[in-house]
């Protein structure tokens, strides 16, 4: 190649490299912008999901509190009944166990 052609070729090569570098820079910038948009969209959707979840669980949470309150009330009634009837039941149980009355069962056959 002659000097003039070499100079033109190297100028063209430098121009192509500069264009390629600019293109790479623009691609990198576009990729970063796309990632930022994706992240923003993800955060927005996550925020919406959390709001819906809180709304759904909020009503569920109040149901849970109500059920726990009812359970505590029922347990309190059961405990009161236990305390009130404990002595009577224990005495009945002990009398049944300790007072033995031997009898022949109605289904027993003597002639077998």
PDB file of N, CA and C in Angstrom:
ATOM      1  N   UNK A   1       0.842  -1.181   0.000  1.00  0.00           N
ATOM      2  CA  UNK A   1       0.000   0.000   0.000  1.00  0.00           C
ATOM      3  C   UNK A   1       0.884   1.239   0.000  1.00  0.00           C
ATOM      4  N   UNK A   2       0.396   2.201  -0.708  1.00  0.00           N
ATOM      5  CA  UNK A   2       1.144   3.449  -0.747  1.00  0.00           C
ATOM      6  C   UNK A   2       0.848   4.231   0.503  1.00  0.00           C
ATOM      7  N   UNK A   3       1.611   5.260   0.744  1.00  0.00           N
ATOM      8  CA  UNK A   3       1.466   6.072   1.941  1.00  0.00           C
ATOM      9  C   UNK A   3       0.102   6.716   2.056  1.00  0.00           C
ATOM     10  N   UNK A   4      -0.398   7.191   0.900  1.00  0.00           N
ATOM     11  CA  UNK A   4      -1.699   7.856   0.903  1.00  0.00           C
ATOM     12  C   UNK A   4      -2.820   6.865   1.206  1.00  0.00           C
ATOM     13  N   UNK A   5      -2.727   5.676   0.605  1.00  0.00           N
ATOM     14  CA  UNK A   5      -3.726   4.655   0.831  1.00  0.00           C
ATOM     15  C   UNK A   5      -3.655   4.141   2.274  1.00  0.00           C
ATOM     16  N   UNK A   6      -2.394   4.033   2.756  1.00  0.00           N
ATOM     17  CA  UNK A   6      -2.232   3.608   4.141  1.00  0.00           C
ATOM     18  C   UNK A   6      -2.847   4.608   5.086  1.00  0.00           C
ATOM     19  N   UNK A   7      -2.644   5.846   4.838  1.00  0.00           N
ATOM     20  CA  UNK A   7      -3.194   6.912   5.675  1.00  0.00           C
ATOM     21  C   UNK A   7      -4.721   6.880   5.633  1.00  0.00           C
ATOM     22  N   UNK A   8      -5.293   6.683   4.439  1.00  0.00           N
ATOM     23  CA  UNK A   8      -6.749   6.623   4.296  1.00  0.00           C
ATOM     24  C   UNK A   8      -7.292   5.385   5.008  1.00  0.00           C
ATOM     25  N   UNK A   9      -6.570   4.258   4.866  1.00  0.00           N
ATOM     26  CA  UNK A   9      -7.000   3.023   5.507  1.00  0.00           C
ATOM     27  C   UNK A   9      -6.965   3.156   7.026  1.00  0.00           C
ATOM     28  N   UNK A  10      -5.880   3.723   7.558  1.00  0.00           N
ATOM     29  CA  UNK A  10      -5.779   3.876   9.008  1.00  0.00           C
ATOM     30  C   UNK A  10      -6.810   4.879   9.518  1.00  0.00           C
ATOM     31  N   UNK A  11      -7.097   5.934   8.722  1.00  0.00           N
ATOM     32  CA  UNK A  11      -8.150   6.878   9.112  1.00  0.00           C
ATOM     33  C   UNK A  11      -9.505   6.174   9.139  1.00  0.00           C
ATOM     34  N   UNK A  12      -9.775   5.350   8.106  1.00  0.00           N
ATOM     35  CA  UNK A  12     -11.029   4.602   8.040  1.00  0.00           C
ATOM     36  C   UNK A  12     -11.128   3.625   9.213  1.00  0.00           C
ATOM     37  N   UNK A  13     -10.011   2.932   9.487  1.00  0.00           N
ATOM     38  CA  UNK A  13      -9.972   1.978  10.592  1.00  0.00           C
ATOM     39  C   UNK A  13     -10.225   2.683  11.922  1.00  0.00           C
ATOM     40  N   UNK A  14      -9.607   3.845  12.117  1.00  0.00           N
ATOM     41  CA  UNK A  14      -9.800   4.621  13.340  1.00  0.00           C
ATOM     42  C   UNK A  14     -11.253   5.064  13.457  1.00  0.00           C
ATOM     43  N   UNK A  15     -11.848   5.466  12.313  1.00  0.00           N
ATOM     44  CA  UNK A  15     -13.243   5.881  12.305  1.00  0.00           C
ATOM     45  C   UNK A  15     -14.165   4.710  12.660  1.00  0.00           C
ATOM     46  N   UNK A  16     -13.901   3.537  12.079  1.00  0.00           N
ATOM     47  CA  UNK A  16     -14.707   2.341  12.389  1.00  0.00           C
ATOM     48  C   UNK A  16     -14.563   1.985  13.858  1.00  0.00           C
ATOM     49  N   UNK A  17     -13.354   2.047  14.396  1.00  0.00           N
ATOM     50  CA  UNK A  17     -13.133   1.745  15.815  1.00  0.00           C
ATOM     51  C   UNK A  17     -13.875   2.738  16.698  1.00  0.00           C
ATOM     52  N   UNK A  18     -13.845   4.015  16.327  1.00  0.00           N
ATOM     53  CA  UNK A  18     -14.541   5.033  17.111  1.00  0.00           C
ATOM     54  C   UNK A  18     -16.047   4.803  17.077  1.00  0.00           C
ATOM     55  N   UNK A  19     -16.561   4.482  15.888  1.00  0.00           N
ATOM     56  CA  UNK A  19     -17.994   4.202  15.763  1.00  0.00           C
ATOM     57  C   UNK A  19     -18.350   2.977  16.591  1.00  0.00           C
ATOM     58  N   UNK A  20     -17.534   1.935  16.519  1.00  0.00           N
ATOM     59  CA  UNK A  20     -17.765   0.713  17.295  1.00  0.00           C
ATOM     60  C   UNK A  20     -17.731   0.992  18.788  1.00  0.00           C
ATOM     61  N   UNK A  21     -16.773   1.813  19.223  1.00  0.00           N
ATOM     62  CA  UNK A  21     -16.670   2.153  20.640  1.00  0.00           C
ATOM     63  C   UNK A  21     -17.896   2.953  21.076  1.00  0.00           C
ATOM     64  N   UNK A  22     -18.334   3.871  20.211  1.00  0.00           N
ATOM     65  CA  UNK A  22     -19.542   4.642  20.526  1.00  0.00           C
ATOM     66  C   UNK A  22     -20.764   3.746  20.594  1.00  0.00           C
ATOM     67  N   UNK A  23     -20.824   2.790  19.663  1.00  0.00           N
ATOM     68  CA  UNK A  23     -21.947   1.851  19.651  1.00  0.00           C
ATOM     69  C   UNK A  23     -21.937   1.010  20.921  1.00  0.00           C
ATOM     70  N   UNK A  24     -20.748   0.540  21.317  1.00  0.00           N
ATOM     71  CA  UNK A  24     -20.635  -0.245  22.548  1.00  0.00           C
ATOM     72  C   UNK A  24     -21.050   0.571  23.765  1.00  0.00           C
ATOM     73  N   UNK A  25     -20.630   1.840  23.786  1.00  0.00           N
ATOM     74  CA  UNK A  25     -21.011   2.724  24.882  1.00  0.00           C
ATOM     75  C   UNK A  25     -22.526   2.896  24.942  1.00  0.00           C
ATOM     76  N   UNK A  26     -23.145   3.107  23.762  1.00  0.00           N
ATOM     77  CA  UNK A  26     -24.597   3.283  23.710  1.00  0.00           C
ATOM     78  C   UNK A  26     -25.312   1.996  24.131  1.00  0.00           C
ATOM     79  N   UNK A  27     -24.793   0.841  23.703  1.00  0.00           N
ATOM     80  CA  UNK A  27     -25.391  -0.435  24.108  1.00  0.00           C
ATOM     81  C   UNK A  27     -25.295  -0.644  25.619  1.00  0.00           C
ATOM     82  N   UNK A  28     -24.142  -0.310  26.169  1.00  0.00           N
ATOM     83  CA  UNK A  28     -23.947  -0.448  27.605  1.00  0.00           C
ATOM     84  C   UNK A  28     -24.893   0.485  28.359  1.00  0.00           C
ATOM     85  N   UNK A  29     -25.015   1.717  27.875  1.00  0.00           N
ATOM     86  CA  UNK A  29     -25.911   2.690  28.511  1.00  0.00           C
ATOM     87  C   UNK A  29     -27.365   2.216  28.411  1.00  0.00           C
ATOM     88  N   UNK A  30     -27.765   1.687  27.245  1.00  0.00           N
ATOM     89  CA  UNK A  30     -29.129   1.191  27.063  1.00  0.00           C
ATOM     90  C   UNK A  30     -29.398   0.010  28.000  1.00  0.00           C
ATOM     91  N   UNK A  31     -28.399  -0.851  28.157  1.00  0.00           N
ATOM     92  CA  UNK A  31     -28.543  -2.000  29.055  1.00  0.00           C
ATOM     93  C   UNK A  31     -28.733  -1.527  30.492  1.00  0.00           C
ATOM     94  N   UNK A  32     -27.940  -0.549  30.916  1.00  0.00           N
ATOM     95  CA  UNK A  32     -28.060  -0.019  32.278  1.00  0.00           C
ATOM     96  C   UNK A  32     -29.425   0.629  32.493  1.00  0.00           C
ATOM     97  N   UNK A  33     -29.906   1.374  31.467  1.00  0.00           N
ATOM     98  CA  UNK A  33     -31.217   2.005  31.580  1.00  0.00           C
ATOM     99  C   UNK A  33     -32.320   0.950  31.669  1.00  0.00           C
ATOM    100  N   UNK A  34     -32.189  -0.107  30.871  1.00  0.00           N
ATOM    101  CA  UNK A  34     -33.182  -1.180  30.894  1.00  0.00           C
ATOM    102  C   UNK A  34     -33.190  -1.878  32.255  1.00  0.00           C
ATOM    103  N   UNK A  35     -32.011  -2.112  32.802  1.00  0.00           N
ATOM    104  CA  UNK A  35     -31.938  -2.746  34.121  1.00  0.00           C
ATOM    105  C   UNK A  35     -32.561  -1.854  35.194  1.00  0.00           C
ATOM    106  N   UNK A  36     -32.324  -0.550  35.105  1.00  0.00           N
ATOM    107  CA  UNK A  36     -32.925   0.382  36.061  1.00  0.00           C
ATOM    108  C   UNK A  36     -34.450   0.362  35.938  1.00  0.00           C
ATOM    109  N   UNK A  37     -34.958   0.326  34.703  1.00  0.00           N
ATOM    110  CA  UNK A  37     -36.410   0.255  34.495  1.00  0.00           C
ATOM    111  C   UNK A  37     -36.986  -1.033  35.052  1.00  0.00           C
ATOM    112  N   UNK A  38     -36.297  -2.129  34.792  1.00  0.00           N
ATOM    113  CA  UNK A  38     -36.749  -3.429  35.295  1.00  0.00           C
ATOM    114  C   UNK A  38     -36.792  -3.417  36.817  1.00  0.00           C
ATOM    115  N   UNK A  39     -35.763  -2.891  37.441  1.00  0.00           N
ATOM    116  CA  UNK A  39     -35.704  -2.827  38.906  1.00  0.00           C
ATOM    117  C   UNK A  39     -36.837  -1.960  39.449  1.00  0.00           C
ATOM    118  N   UNK A  40     -37.087  -0.834  38.804  1.00  0.00           N
ATOM    119  CA  UNK A  40     -38.166   0.058  39.235  1.00  0.00           C
ATOM    120  C   UNK A  40     -39.517  -0.651  39.102  1.00  0.00           C
ATOM    121  N   UNK A  41     -39.739  -1.355  37.998  1.00  0.00           N
ATOM    122  CA  UNK A  41     -40.988  -2.084  37.781  1.00  0.00           C
ATOM    123  C   UNK A  41     -41.143  -3.193  38.824  1.00  0.00           C
ATOM    124  N   UNK A  42     -40.047  -3.899  39.101  1.00  0.00           N
ATOM    125  CA  UNK A  42     -40.081  -4.967  40.105  1.00  0.00           C
ATOM    126  C   UNK A  42     -40.455  -4.413  41.474  1.00  0.00           C
ATOM    127  N   UNK A  43     -39.843  -3.281  41.846  1.00  0.00           N
ATOM    128  CA  UNK A  43     -40.149  -2.662  43.136  1.00  0.00           C
ATOM    129  C   UNK A  43     -41.610  -2.219  43.212  1.00  0.00           C
ATOM    130  N   UNK A  44     -42.115  -1.680  42.100  1.00  0.00           N
ATOM    131  CA  UNK A  44     -43.516  -1.246  42.059  1.00  0.00           C
ATOM    132  C   UNK A  44     -44.454  -2.449  42.239  1.00  0.00           C
ATOM    133  N   UNK A  45     -44.185  -3.526  41.509  1.00  0.00           N
ATOM    134  CA  UNK A  45     -45.032  -4.715  41.615  1.00  0.00           C
ATOM    135  C   UNK A  45     -44.939  -5.335  43.012  1.00  0.00           C
ATOM    136  N   UNK A  46     -43.751  -5.323  43.587  1.00  0.00           N
ATOM    137  CA  UNK A  46     -43.572  -5.859  44.927  1.00  0.00           C
ATOM    138  C   UNK A  46     -44.360  -5.033  45.941  1.00  0.00           C
ATOM    139  N   UNK A  47     -44.340  -3.716  45.762  1.00  0.00           N
ATOM    140  CA  UNK A  47     -45.097  -2.830  46.649  1.00  0.00           C
ATOM    141  C   UNK A  47     -46.597  -3.108  46.533  1.00  0.00           C
ATOM    142  N   UNK A  48     -47.095  -3.289  45.310  1.00  0.00           N
ATOM    143  CA  UNK A  48     -48.505  -3.612  45.104  1.00  0.00           C
ATOM    144  C   UNK A  48     -48.854  -4.952  45.744  1.00  0.00           C
ATOM    145  N   UNK A  49     -47.967  -5.930  45.592  1.00  0.00           N
ATOM    146  CA  UNK A  49     -48.198  -7.243  46.184  1.00  0.00           C
ATOM    147  C   UNK A  49     -48.265  -7.146  47.703  1.00  0.00           C
ATOM    148  N   UNK A  50     -47.339  -6.398  48.295  1.00  0.00           N
ATOM    149  CA  UNK A  50     -47.324  -6.243  49.755  1.00  0.00           C
ATOM    150  C   UNK A  50     -48.620  -5.591  50.231  1.00  0.00           C
ATOM    151  N   UNK A  51     -49.105  -4.588  49.473  1.00  0.00           N
ATOM    152  CA  UNK A  51     -50.344  -3.912  49.848  1.00  0.00           C
ATOM    153  C   UNK A  51     -51.518  -4.894  49.799  1.00  0.00           C
ATOM    154  N   UNK A  52     -51.600  -5.694  48.729  1.00  0.00           N
ATOM    155  CA  UNK A  52     -52.681  -6.686  48.615  1.00  0.00           C
ATOM    156  C   UNK A  52     -52.565  -7.750  49.695  1.00  0.00           C
ATOM    157  N   UNK A  53     -51.341  -8.168  49.973  1.00  0.00           N
ATOM    158  CA  UNK A  53     -51.116  -9.178  51.001  1.00  0.00           C
ATOM    159  C   UNK A  53     -51.534  -8.643  52.370  1.00  0.00           C
ATOM    160  N   UNK A  54     -51.179  -7.393  52.657  1.00  0.00           N
ATOM    161  CA  UNK A  54     -51.550  -6.794  53.938  1.00  0.00           C
ATOM    162  C   UNK A  54     -53.065  -6.672  54.055  1.00  0.00           C
ATOM    163  N   UNK A  55     -53.720  -6.314  52.956  1.00  0.00           N
ATOM    164  CA  UNK A  55     -55.180  -6.206  52.980  1.00  0.00           C
ATOM    165  C   UNK A  55     -55.816  -7.566  53.236  1.00  0.00           C
ATOM    166  N   UNK A  56     -55.301  -8.596  52.580  1.00  0.00           N
ATOM    167  CA  UNK A  56     -55.856  -9.943  52.751  1.00  0.00           C
ATOM    168  C   UNK A  56     -55.556 -10.485  54.144  1.00  0.00           C
ATOM    169  N   UNK A  57     -54.336 -10.302  54.601  1.00  0.00           N
ATOM    170  CA  UNK A  57     -53.961 -10.821  55.911  1.00  0.00           C
ATOM    171  C   UNK A  57     -54.513  -9.960  57.039  1.00  0.00           C
ATOM    172  N   UNK A  58     -54.815  -8.719  56.745  1.00  0.00           N
ATOM    173  CA  UNK A  58     -55.396  -7.857  57.767  1.00  0.00           C
ATOM    174  C   UNK A  58     -56.720  -8.413  58.237  1.00  0.00           C
ATOM    175  N   UNK A  59     -57.557  -8.816  57.301  1.00  0.00           N
ATOM    176  CA  UNK A  59     -58.835  -9.403  57.676  1.00  0.00           C
ATOM    177  C   UNK A  59     -58.613 -10.766  58.315  1.00  0.00           C
ATOM    178  N   UNK A  60     -57.635 -11.499  57.824  1.00  0.00           N
ATOM    179  CA  UNK A  60     -57.307 -12.804  58.403  1.00  0.00           C
ATOM    180  C   UNK A  60     -56.782 -12.626  59.826  1.00  0.00           C
ATOM    181  N   UNK A  61     -55.986 -11.593  60.037  1.00  0.00           N
ATOM    182  CA  UNK A  61     -55.433 -11.335  61.371  1.00  0.00           C
ATOM    183  C   UNK A  61     -56.522 -11.037  62.377  1.00  0.00           C
ATOM    184  N   UNK A  62     -57.554 -10.279  61.982  1.00  0.00           N
ATOM    185  CA  UNK A  62     -58.641  -9.984  62.904  1.00  0.00           C
ATOM    186  C   UNK A  62     -59.442 -11.246  63.193  1.00  0.00           C
ATOM    187  N   UNK A  63     -59.590 -12.136  62.208  1.00  0.00           N
ATOM    188  CA  UNK A  63     -60.278 -13.418  62.425  1.00  0.00           C
ATOM    189  C   UNK A  63     -59.498 -14.254  63.431  1.00  0.00           C
ATOM    190  N   UNK A  64     -58.199 -14.257  63.293  1.00  0.00           N
ATOM    191  CA  UNK A  64     -57.356 -15.016  64.209  1.00  0.00           C
ATOM    192  C   UNK A  64     -57.510 -14.484  65.629  1.00  0.00           C
ATOM    193  N   UNK A  65     -57.517 -13.187  65.788  1.00  0.00           N
ATOM    194  CA  UNK A  65     -57.678 -12.578  67.104  1.00  0.00           C
ATOM    195  C   UNK A  65     -59.026 -12.940  67.697  1.00  0.00           C
ATOM    196  N   UNK A  66     -60.056 -12.912  66.867  1.00  0.00           N
ATOM    197  CA  UNK A  66     -61.406 -13.248  67.333  1.00  0.00           C
ATOM    198  C   UNK A  66     -61.482 -14.712  67.769  1.00  0.00           C
ATOM    199  N   UNK A  67     -60.880 -15.603  66.982  1.00  0.00           N
ATOM    200  CA  UNK A  67     -60.881 -17.027  67.325  1.00  0.00           C
ATOM    201  C   UNK A  67     -60.121 -17.259  68.626  1.00  0.00           C
ATOM    202  N   UNK A  68     -59.002 -16.599  68.792  1.00  0.00           N
ATOM    203  CA  UNK A  68     -58.226 -16.746  70.032  1.00  0.00           C
ATOM    204  C   UNK A  68     -59.018 -16.259  71.234  1.00  0.00           C
ATOM    205  N   UNK A  69     -59.756 -15.168  71.075  1.00  0.00           N
ATOM    206  CA  UNK A  69     -60.571 -14.629  72.163  1.00  0.00           C
ATOM    207  C   UNK A  69     -61.664 -15.628  72.539  1.00  0.00           C
ATOM    208  N   UNK A  70     -62.350 -16.186  71.533  1.00  0.00           N
ATOM    209  CA  UNK A  70     -63.395 -17.173  71.793  1.00  0.00           C
ATOM    210  C   UNK A  70     -62.820 -18.412  72.466  1.00  0.00           C
ATOM    211  N   UNK A  71     -61.646 -18.833  72.026  1.00  0.00           N
ATOM    212  CA  UNK A  71     -61.002 -19.999  72.622  1.00  0.00           C
ATOM    213  C   UNK A  71     -60.688 -19.751  74.086  1.00  0.00           C
ATOM    214  N   UNK A  72     -60.175 -18.578  74.400  1.00  0.00           N
ATOM    215  CA  UNK A  72     -59.868 -18.243  75.795  1.00  0.00           C
ATOM    216  C   UNK A  72     -61.123 -18.236  76.652  1.00  0.00           C
ATOM    217  N   UNK A  73     -62.217 -17.711  76.110  1.00  0.00           N
ATOM    218  CA  UNK A  73     -63.481 -17.689  76.857  1.00  0.00           C
ATOM    219  C   UNK A  73     -63.971 -19.107  77.128  1.00  0.00           C
ATOM    220  N   UNK A  74     -63.910 -19.975  76.090  1.00  0.00           N
ATOM    221  CA  UNK A  74     -64.352 -21.363  76.259  1.00  0.00           C
ATOM    222  C   UNK A  74     -63.466 -22.096  77.261  1.00  0.00           C
ATOM    223  N   UNK A  75     -62.163 -21.868  77.189  1.00  0.00           N
ATOM    224  CA  UNK A  75     -61.240 -22.505  78.138  1.00  0.00           C
ATOM    225  C   UNK A  75     -61.532 -22.058  79.566  1.00  0.00           C
ATOM    226  N   UNK A  76     -61.892 -20.802  79.731  1.00  0.00           N
ATOM    227  CA  UNK A  76     -62.222 -20.283  81.053  1.00  0.00           C
ATOM    228  C   UNK A  76     -63.473 -20.979  81.606  1.00  0.00           C
ATOM    229  N   UNK A  77     -64.485 -21.160  80.756  1.00  0.00           N
ATOM    230  CA  UNK A  77     -65.710 -21.851  81.183  1.00  0.00           C
ATOM    231  C   UNK A  77     -65.405 -23.301  81.556  1.00  0.00           C
ATOM    232  N   UNK A  78     -64.577 -23.959  80.734  1.00  0.00           N
ATOM    233  CA  UNK A  78     -64.208 -25.347  81.017  1.00  0.00           C
ATOM    234  C   UNK A  78     -63.462 -25.449  82.344  1.00  0.00           C
ATOM    235  N   UNK A  79     -62.550 -24.534  82.594  1.00  0.00           N
ATOM    236  CA  UNK A  79     -61.800 -24.535  83.857  1.00  0.00           C
ATOM    237  C   UNK A  79     -62.738 -24.326  85.052  1.00  0.00           C
ATOM    238  N   UNK A  80     -63.694 -23.430  84.909  1.00  0.00           N
ATOM    239  CA  UNK A  80     -64.647 -23.180  86.000  1.00  0.00           C
ATOM    240  C   UNK A  80     -65.489 -24.426  86.272  1.00  0.00           C
ATOM    241  N   UNK A  81     -65.969 -25.070  85.205  1.00  0.00           N
ATOM    242  CA  UNK A  81     -66.756 -26.293  85.376  1.00  0.00           C
ATOM    243  C   UNK A  81     -65.922 -27.397  86.011  1.00  0.00           C
ATOM    244  N   UNK A  82     -64.675 -27.491  85.634  1.00  0.00           N
ATOM    245  CA  UNK A  82     -63.780 -28.487  86.222  1.00  0.00           C
ATOM    246  C   UNK A  82     -63.634 -28.253  87.722  1.00  0.00           C
ATOM    247  N   UNK A  83     -63.364 -27.022  88.098  1.00  0.00           N
ATOM    248  CA  UNK A  83     -63.189 -26.698  89.517  1.00  0.00           C
ATOM    249  C   UNK A  83     -64.465 -26.980  90.303  1.00  0.00           C
ATOM    250  N   UNK A  84     -65.602 -26.672  89.708  1.00  0.00           N
ATOM    251  CA  UNK A  84     -66.888 -26.834  90.387  1.00  0.00           C
ATOM    252  C   UNK A  84     -67.248 -28.314  90.560  1.00  0.00           C
ATOM    253  N   UNK A  85     -66.967 -29.148  89.579  1.00  0.00           N
ATOM    254  CA  UNK A  85     -67.414 -30.537  89.587  1.00  0.00           C
ATOM    255  C   UNK A  85     -66.345 -31.555  89.953  1.00  0.00           C
ATOM    256  N   UNK A  86     -65.150 -31.125  90.216  1.00  0.00           N
ATOM    257  CA  UNK A  86     -64.043 -32.048  90.463  1.00  0.00           C
ATOM    258  C   UNK A  86     -64.309 -32.958  91.660  1.00  0.00           C
ATOM    259  N   UNK A  87     -64.733 -32.410  92.777  1.00  0.00           N
ATOM    260  CA  UNK A  87     -64.938 -33.199  93.993  1.00  0.00           C
ATOM    261  C   UNK A  87     -66.061 -34.218  93.823  1.00  0.00           C
ATOM    262  N   UNK A  88     -67.142 -33.810  93.189  1.00  0.00           N
ATOM    263  CA  UNK A  88     -68.273 -34.718  92.994  1.00  0.00           C
ATOM    264  C   UNK A  88     -67.874 -35.892  92.108  1.00  0.00           C
ATOM    265  N   UNK A  89     -67.192 -35.611  91.019  1.00  0.00           N
ATOM    266  CA  UNK A  89     -66.779 -36.657  90.094  1.00  0.00           C
ATOM    267  C   UNK A  89     -65.785 -37.603  90.758  1.00  0.00           C
ATOM    268  N   UNK A  90     -64.847 -37.075  91.515  1.00  0.00           N
ATOM    269  CA  UNK A  90     -63.856 -37.925  92.189  1.00  0.00           C
ATOM    270  C   UNK A  90     -64.530 -38.845  93.206  1.00  0.00           C
ATOM    271  N   UNK A  91     -65.477 -38.318  93.947  1.00  0.00           N
ATOM    272  CA  UNK A  91     -66.154 -39.172  94.938  1.00  0.00           C
ATOM    273  C   UNK A  91     -66.986 -40.249  94.248  1.00  0.00           C
ATOM    274  N   UNK A  92     -67.648 -39.918  93.148  1.00  0.00           N
ATOM    275  CA  UNK A  92     -68.416 -40.926  92.407  1.00  0.00           C
ATOM    276  C   UNK A  92     -67.486 -41.997  91.836  1.00  0.00           C
ATOM    277  N   UNK A  93     -66.379 -41.600  91.304  1.00  0.00           N
ATOM    278  CA  UNK A  93     -65.429 -42.544  90.732  1.00  0.00           C
ATOM    279  C   UNK A  93     -64.865 -43.473  91.801  1.00  0.00           C
ATOM    280  N   UNK A  94     -64.505 -42.903  92.958  1.00  0.00           N
ATOM    281  CA  UNK A  94     -63.967 -43.725  94.041  1.00  0.00           C
ATOM    282  C   UNK A  94     -65.013 -44.693  94.584  1.00  0.00           C
ATOM    283  N   UNK A  95     -66.250 -44.256  94.680  1.00  0.00           N
ATOM    284  CA  UNK A  95     -67.300 -45.153  95.181  1.00  0.00           C
ATOM    285  C   UNK A  95     -67.527 -46.305  94.211  1.00  0.00           C
ATOM    286  N   UNK A  96     -67.486 -46.044  92.907  1.00  0.00           N
ATOM    287  CA  UNK A  96     -67.654 -47.113  91.932  1.00  0.00           C
ATOM    288  C   UNK A  96     -66.494 -48.105  91.977  1.00  0.00           C
ATOM    289  N   UNK A  97     -65.316 -47.621  92.211  1.00  0.00           N
ATOM    290  CA  UNK A  97     -64.145 -48.490  92.233  1.00  0.00           C
ATOM    291  C   UNK A  97     -64.060 -49.270  93.540  1.00  0.00           C
ATOM    292  N   UNK A  98     -64.375 -48.616  94.628  1.00  0.00           N
ATOM    293  CA  UNK A  98     -64.186 -49.256  95.935  1.00  0.00           C
ATOM    294  C   UNK A  98     -65.377 -50.109  96.381  1.00  0.00           C
ATOM    295  N   UNK A  99     -66.585 -49.783  95.990  1.00  0.00           N
ATOM    296  CA  UNK A  99     -67.765 -50.551  96.402  1.00  0.00           C
ATOM    297  C   UNK A  99     -67.994 -51.679  95.410  1.00  0.00           C
ATOM    298  N   UNK A 100     -67.489 -52.863  95.765  1.00  0.00           N
ATOM    299  CA  UNK A 100     -67.574 -54.017  94.878  1.00  0.00           C
ATOM    300  C   UNK A 100     -68.853 -54.789  95.201  1.00  0.00           C
ATOM    301  N   UNK A 101     -69.653 -55.070  94.194  1.00  0.00           N
ATOM    302  CA  UNK A 101     -70.889 -55.837  94.353  1.00  0.00           C
ATOM    303  C   UNK A 101     -70.832 -57.000  93.359  1.00  0.00           C
ATOM    304  N   UNK A 102     -70.431 -58.186  93.821  1.00  0.00           N
ATOM    305  CA  UNK A 102     -70.324 -59.318  92.898  1.00  0.00           C
ATOM    306  C   UNK A 102     -71.710 -59.776  92.430  1.00  0.00           C
ATOM    307  N   UNK A 103     -71.836 -59.919  91.099  1.00  0.00           N
ATOM    308  CA  UNK A 103     -73.090 -60.368  90.509  1.00  0.00           C
ATOM    309  C   UNK A 103     -72.751 -61.295  89.344  1.00  0.00           C
ATOM    310  N   UNK A 104     -73.685 -62.155  89.013  1.00  0.00           N
ATOM    311  CA  UNK A 104     -73.519 -62.996  87.845  1.00  0.00           C
ATOM    312  C   UNK A 104     -74.050 -62.213  86.658  1.00  0.00           C
ATOM    313  N   UNK A 105     -73.276 -62.237  85.591  1.00  0.00           N
ATOM    314  CA  UNK A 105     -73.663 -61.478  84.397  1.00  0.00           C
ATOM    315  C   UNK A 105     -74.910 -62.088  83.784  1.00  0.00           C
ATOM    316  N   UNK A 106     -75.788 -61.260  83.210  1.00  0.00           N
ATOM    317  CA  UNK A 106     -77.056 -61.726  82.661  1.00  0.00           C
ATOM    318  C   UNK A 106     -76.865 -62.702  81.508  1.00  0.00           C
ATOM    319  N   UNK A 107     -75.776 -62.672  80.828  1.00  0.00           N
ATOM    320  CA  UNK A 107     -75.531 -63.550  79.695  1.00  0.00           C
ATOM    321  C   UNK A 107     -74.821 -64.859  80.093  1.00  0.00           C
ATOM    322  N   UNK A 108     -74.505 -64.998  81.353  1.00  0.00           N
ATOM    323  CA  UNK A 108     -73.804 -66.197  81.793  1.00  0.00           C
ATOM    324  C   UNK A 108     -74.756 -67.389  81.799  1.00  0.00           C
ATOM    325  N   UNK A 109     -74.324 -68.534  81.199  1.00  0.00           N
ATOM    326  CA  UNK A 109     -75.135 -69.764  81.170  1.00  0.00           C
ATOM    327  C   UNK A 109     -74.501 -70.790  82.115  1.00  0.00           C
ATOM    328  N   UNK A 110     -75.279 -71.303  82.973  1.00  0.00           N
ATOM    329  CA  UNK A 110     -74.764 -72.257  83.967  1.00  0.00           C
ATOM    330  C   UNK A 110     -74.497 -73.620  83.286  1.00  0.00           C
ATOM    331  N   UNK A 111     -75.307 -74.018  82.355  1.00  0.00           N
ATOM    332  CA  UNK A 111     -75.151 -75.322  81.736  1.00  0.00           C
ATOM    333  C   UNK A 111     -74.324 -75.274  80.454  1.00  0.00           C
ATOM    334  N   UNK A 112     -73.686 -74.223  80.208  1.00  0.00           N
ATOM    335  CA  UNK A 112     -72.816 -74.018  79.211  1.00  0.00           C
ATOM    336  C   UNK A 112     -72.638 -74.274  77.869  1.00  0.00           C
TER     337      UNK A 112
END
